[in-house]
N, C-alpha and C. Protein backbone atom coordinates (compact mmCIF):
# COMPACT_ATOMS: atom_id res chain seq x y z
N MET A 1 -17.17 0.59 -0.91
CA MET A 1 -16.95 -0.82 -1.59
C MET A 1 -15.55 -1.22 -1.59
N GLN A 2 -15.21 -2.36 -1.71
CA GLN A 2 -13.85 -2.83 -1.65
C GLN A 2 -13.66 -3.54 -2.99
N ALA A 3 -12.28 -3.63 -3.62
CA ALA A 3 -11.89 -4.57 -4.56
C ALA A 3 -10.67 -5.09 -4.65
N ALA A 4 -10.47 -6.28 -4.98
CA ALA A 4 -9.19 -6.97 -4.72
C ALA A 4 -8.16 -6.44 -6.06
N PHE A 5 -6.98 -6.30 -5.53
CA PHE A 5 -5.96 -5.85 -6.34
C PHE A 5 -4.89 -6.99 -6.28
N THR A 6 -4.18 -7.29 -7.19
CA THR A 6 -3.26 -8.20 -6.99
C THR A 6 -1.70 -7.52 -8.14
N GLY A 7 -0.65 -7.75 -7.49
CA GLY A 7 0.50 -7.15 -8.30
C GLY A 7 1.84 -7.26 -7.21
N ARG A 8 2.85 -6.67 -7.85
CA ARG A 8 4.03 -6.77 -7.16
C ARG A 8 4.14 -5.56 -6.36
N LEU A 9 4.59 -5.69 -5.08
CA LEU A 9 4.87 -4.65 -4.35
C LEU A 9 6.10 -3.83 -4.78
N GLY A 10 6.08 -2.74 -4.96
CA GLY A 10 7.13 -1.88 -5.85
C GLY A 10 7.40 -0.63 -4.96
N ILE A 11 8.54 -0.11 -5.40
CA ILE A 11 8.87 1.32 -4.61
C ILE A 11 9.13 2.25 -5.77
N ARG A 12 8.59 3.39 -5.57
CA ARG A 12 8.56 4.77 -6.44
C ARG A 12 8.99 5.99 -5.68
N ASN A 13 9.97 6.86 -6.03
CA ASN A 13 10.04 7.91 -5.24
C ASN A 13 9.96 7.60 -3.71
N GLY A 14 10.59 6.40 -3.22
CA GLY A 14 10.19 6.14 -1.87
C GLY A 14 9.01 6.01 -1.18
N CYS A 15 8.03 5.65 -2.26
CA CYS A 15 6.61 5.47 -1.93
C CYS A 15 6.52 3.83 -2.07
N LEU A 16 5.89 3.09 -1.46
CA LEU A 16 5.21 1.71 -1.63
C LEU A 16 4.12 1.80 -2.81
N VAL A 17 4.04 1.34 -3.78
CA VAL A 17 3.33 1.12 -5.02
C VAL A 17 2.69 -0.33 -5.29
N LEU A 18 1.76 -0.46 -5.69
CA LEU A 18 1.26 -1.75 -6.29
C LEU A 18 1.46 -1.75 -7.81
N GLY A 19 2.31 -2.62 -8.19
CA GLY A 19 2.60 -2.55 -9.87
C GLY A 19 3.66 -2.00 -10.17
N ASP A 20 4.51 -2.34 -9.58
CA ASP A 20 5.88 -1.79 -9.81
C ASP A 20 6.07 -1.82 -11.43
N PRO A 21 6.93 -0.75 -11.97
CA PRO A 21 7.15 0.79 -11.28
C PRO A 21 6.13 1.47 -11.55
N ASP A 22 4.92 1.36 -12.28
CA ASP A 22 3.91 2.53 -12.69
C ASP A 22 2.69 2.28 -11.79
N GLY A 23 2.73 1.80 -10.83
CA GLY A 23 1.30 1.51 -10.10
C GLY A 23 0.85 2.44 -9.26
N GLU A 24 -0.20 2.16 -8.45
CA GLU A 24 -0.64 3.41 -7.58
C GLU A 24 -0.05 3.23 -6.09
N THR A 25 0.14 4.30 -5.75
CA THR A 25 0.71 3.95 -4.23
C THR A 25 -0.27 3.69 -3.19
N ILE A 26 0.28 3.07 -2.37
CA ILE A 26 -0.57 2.32 -1.20
C ILE A 26 -0.52 3.06 0.09
N VAL A 27 -2.00 3.30 0.43
CA VAL A 27 -2.30 3.94 1.66
C VAL A 27 -2.54 2.85 2.62
N TRP A 28 -1.83 2.41 3.64
CA TRP A 28 -1.98 1.24 4.50
C TRP A 28 -3.02 1.43 5.56
N ASN A 29 -3.50 0.48 5.96
CA ASN A 29 -4.41 0.66 6.99
C ASN A 29 -3.78 0.66 8.47
N GLU A 30 -4.28 0.93 9.55
CA GLU A 30 -4.19 0.92 10.81
C GLU A 30 -2.88 -0.43 11.34
N SER A 31 -3.28 -1.34 10.77
CA SER A 31 -2.61 -2.63 11.20
C SER A 31 -1.37 -2.67 10.53
N ALA A 32 -0.94 -1.96 9.75
CA ALA A 32 0.13 -2.33 8.80
C ALA A 32 1.41 -1.17 9.52
N ARG A 33 2.59 -1.78 9.46
CA ARG A 33 3.90 -1.24 9.94
C ARG A 33 4.81 -1.41 9.02
N LEU A 34 5.29 -0.26 8.43
CA LEU A 34 6.57 -0.27 7.41
C LEU A 34 7.86 -0.45 8.18
N GLY A 35 8.60 -1.27 7.04
CA GLY A 35 9.85 -1.58 7.80
C GLY A 35 10.90 -0.54 7.66
N ALA A 36 11.77 -0.60 8.67
CA ALA A 36 12.76 0.51 9.01
C ALA A 36 13.23 0.96 7.57
N ASP A 37 13.63 0.12 6.61
CA ASP A 37 14.41 0.29 5.47
C ASP A 37 13.42 1.00 4.35
N GLY A 38 11.91 0.73 4.89
CA GLY A 38 11.08 1.24 3.68
C GLY A 38 10.70 0.59 2.72
N ARG A 39 11.27 -0.90 2.46
CA ARG A 39 11.13 -1.70 1.59
C ARG A 39 10.32 -2.80 1.78
N SER A 40 9.60 -2.83 3.07
CA SER A 40 8.74 -3.93 3.34
C SER A 40 7.54 -3.42 4.30
N VAL A 41 6.69 -4.25 4.46
CA VAL A 41 5.45 -3.91 5.26
C VAL A 41 4.98 -5.07 5.98
N THR A 42 4.62 -5.12 7.38
CA THR A 42 4.20 -6.03 8.10
C THR A 42 2.70 -5.95 8.37
N ASP A 43 1.85 -6.77 8.21
CA ASP A 43 0.29 -6.80 8.65
C ASP A 43 0.47 -7.43 10.51
N THR A 44 0.22 -6.41 11.29
CA THR A 44 0.19 -6.92 12.74
C THR A 44 -0.67 -7.88 13.10
N ARG A 45 -1.74 -8.04 12.22
CA ARG A 45 -2.77 -8.84 12.68
C ARG A 45 -2.49 -10.31 12.45
N THR A 46 -1.57 -10.48 11.14
CA THR A 46 -1.59 -11.89 10.79
C THR A 46 0.23 -12.29 10.92
N GLY A 47 0.83 -11.11 11.09
CA GLY A 47 2.41 -11.30 11.08
C GLY A 47 2.94 -11.29 9.82
N GLU A 48 2.09 -11.25 8.68
CA GLU A 48 2.69 -11.42 7.19
C GLU A 48 3.32 -10.47 6.97
N THR A 49 4.80 -10.63 6.07
CA THR A 49 5.51 -9.46 5.85
C THR A 49 5.73 -9.50 4.46
N ALA A 50 5.50 -8.46 3.66
CA ALA A 50 6.07 -8.47 2.17
C ALA A 50 7.03 -7.55 1.97
N ARG A 51 7.66 -8.06 1.09
CA ARG A 51 8.93 -6.99 0.62
C ARG A 51 8.71 -6.66 -0.74
N VAL A 52 9.43 -5.30 -1.42
CA VAL A 52 9.51 -5.07 -2.42
C VAL A 52 9.82 -6.31 -3.47
N GLY A 53 9.30 -6.34 -4.70
CA GLY A 53 9.35 -7.52 -5.45
C GLY A 53 8.55 -8.53 -5.34
N GLU A 54 8.01 -8.83 -4.22
CA GLU A 54 6.80 -9.71 -4.30
C GLU A 54 5.59 -9.39 -4.43
N ARG A 55 4.84 -10.55 -4.87
CA ARG A 55 3.47 -10.37 -5.42
C ARG A 55 2.69 -10.71 -4.10
N ILE A 56 1.69 -9.53 -4.06
CA ILE A 56 0.51 -9.66 -2.90
C ILE A 56 -0.53 -9.36 -3.62
N ARG A 57 -1.71 -9.54 -2.81
CA ARG A 57 -3.29 -9.43 -2.90
C ARG A 57 -3.57 -8.70 -1.74
N LEU A 58 -4.42 -7.64 -2.07
CA LEU A 58 -5.00 -6.75 -1.23
C LEU A 58 -6.15 -6.24 -1.48
N GLY A 59 -7.17 -5.85 -0.31
CA GLY A 59 -8.48 -5.37 -0.77
C GLY A 59 -8.56 -4.01 -0.34
N GLY A 60 -9.13 -3.18 -0.95
CA GLY A 60 -9.35 -1.81 -0.74
C GLY A 60 -10.07 -1.16 -1.98
N GLY A 61 -9.72 0.16 -2.15
CA GLY A 61 -10.31 1.23 -3.18
C GLY A 61 -9.69 2.02 -3.61
N LYS A 62 -9.59 2.35 -4.93
CA LYS A 62 -8.78 3.38 -5.43
C LYS A 62 -9.50 4.75 -5.03
N VAL A 63 -8.84 5.79 -4.97
CA VAL A 63 -9.21 7.14 -4.90
C VAL A 63 -8.08 7.98 -5.26
N MET A 64 -8.50 9.25 -5.57
CA MET A 64 -7.82 10.38 -5.53
C MET A 64 -7.67 10.94 -4.18
N LEU A 65 -6.26 10.77 -3.46
CA LEU A 65 -6.17 11.34 -2.24
C LEU A 65 -6.78 12.88 -2.05
N ASP A 66 -6.55 13.66 -2.82
CA ASP A 66 -7.13 15.18 -2.24
C ASP A 66 -8.77 14.97 -2.54
N GLN A 67 -9.64 14.23 -3.05
CA GLN A 67 -10.74 14.00 -3.04
C GLN A 67 -11.54 13.13 -1.76
N TRP A 68 -10.59 12.39 -1.46
CA TRP A 68 -10.77 11.55 -0.33
C TRP A 68 -10.83 12.28 1.06
N GLY A 69 -9.57 12.94 0.90
CA GLY A 69 -9.27 13.78 2.29
C GLY A 69 -8.13 13.33 2.90
N ARG A 70 -7.01 14.15 2.80
CA ARG A 70 -5.69 14.05 3.66
C ARG A 70 -5.85 13.97 5.04
N GLY A 71 -7.03 14.74 5.52
CA GLY A 71 -7.24 14.49 6.96
C GLY A 71 -7.66 13.09 7.60
N ASN A 72 -7.92 11.94 6.57
CA ASN A 72 -8.26 10.51 7.00
C ASN A 72 -6.95 9.89 7.24
N LEU A 73 -5.82 10.46 7.11
CA LEU A 73 -4.56 9.95 7.06
C LEU A 73 -4.08 9.82 8.59
N ALA A 74 -3.36 8.87 9.17
CA ALA A 74 -2.96 8.77 10.60
C ALA A 74 -1.70 9.62 10.43
N GLN A 75 -0.95 9.69 9.23
CA GLN A 75 0.59 10.50 9.02
C GLN A 75 0.50 10.90 7.98
N PRO A 76 1.36 12.03 7.80
CA PRO A 76 1.53 12.94 6.95
C PRO A 76 1.78 12.12 5.38
N PHE A 77 1.31 12.62 4.30
CA PHE A 77 1.65 11.88 3.05
C PHE A 77 2.65 12.54 2.17
N PRO A 78 3.62 11.79 1.98
CA PRO A 78 4.81 12.37 1.26
C PRO A 78 4.49 13.09 0.02
N ASP A 79 4.96 14.36 -0.09
CA ASP A 79 4.71 15.15 -1.52
C ASP A 79 5.09 14.35 -2.59
N GLN A 80 6.20 13.44 -2.60
CA GLN A 80 6.93 12.80 -3.65
C GLN A 80 5.88 11.69 -4.20
N CYS A 81 4.69 11.32 -3.66
CA CYS A 81 3.92 10.02 -3.71
C CYS A 81 2.73 10.60 -4.52
N SER A 82 2.69 9.69 -5.52
CA SER A 82 1.46 9.88 -6.51
C SER A 82 0.23 9.88 -5.65
N PRO A 83 -0.54 10.89 -5.90
CA PRO A 83 -2.12 11.21 -5.02
C PRO A 83 -3.16 9.94 -5.56
N ASP A 84 -2.62 9.36 -6.65
CA ASP A 84 -3.54 8.25 -7.22
C ASP A 84 -3.59 7.00 -6.44
N VAL A 85 -4.19 6.90 -5.26
CA VAL A 85 -3.82 5.78 -4.16
C VAL A 85 -4.63 4.49 -4.37
N ILE A 86 -4.61 3.58 -3.64
CA ILE A 86 -5.25 2.56 -3.28
C ILE A 86 -5.01 2.59 -1.64
N VAL A 87 -6.44 2.55 -0.91
CA VAL A 87 -6.63 2.77 0.39
C VAL A 87 -6.58 1.41 0.79
N VAL A 88 -5.92 0.50 1.56
CA VAL A 88 -6.37 -0.72 2.11
C VAL A 88 -7.16 -0.75 2.73
N GLY A 89 -7.99 -2.09 2.74
CA GLY A 89 -8.96 -2.24 3.57
C GLY A 89 -8.72 -3.20 4.72
N GLU A 90 -8.64 -4.45 4.34
CA GLU A 90 -8.57 -5.51 5.44
C GLU A 90 -7.12 -6.09 5.45
N GLY A 91 -6.00 -5.57 4.97
CA GLY A 91 -4.79 -6.23 4.97
C GLY A 91 -4.28 -6.46 3.70
N PHE A 92 -3.35 -7.59 3.64
CA PHE A 92 -3.03 -8.05 2.36
C PHE A 92 -2.37 -9.47 2.67
N ARG A 93 -2.15 -10.26 1.65
CA ARG A 93 -1.38 -11.57 1.85
C ARG A 93 -0.45 -11.82 0.31
N LYS A 94 0.42 -12.47 0.60
CA LYS A 94 1.35 -12.74 -0.32
C LYS A 94 1.01 -13.85 -1.30
N MET A 95 1.11 -13.82 -2.47
CA MET A 95 0.79 -14.85 -3.51
C MET A 95 1.98 -15.64 -3.91
N GLU A 96 1.63 -16.68 -4.50
CA GLU A 96 2.58 -17.64 -4.90
C GLU A 96 3.11 -17.06 -6.25
N GLU A 97 4.46 -17.23 -6.41
CA GLU A 97 5.25 -16.85 -7.74
C GLU A 97 4.84 -17.63 -8.72
């Protein structure tokens, strides 16, 4: 089941979060590409790019990473990121300020 989440893209301990500064860590789907600076993400299906500080809306679900399973990830999950995560389902879109 997916829910809609809206908030500012933030960064905490080098991890992108929704709801800067105390939001959940975002686990992106396979269509997302992180920027080289670690402060932006691009949805390769739509070409949309969001940067830290911008408001976004995304669909996904909240999980505790250890319960969901780290084996579901395509890349290692950094230890400094909170394991309370939002797993993105269908991408994101930027919101008007």
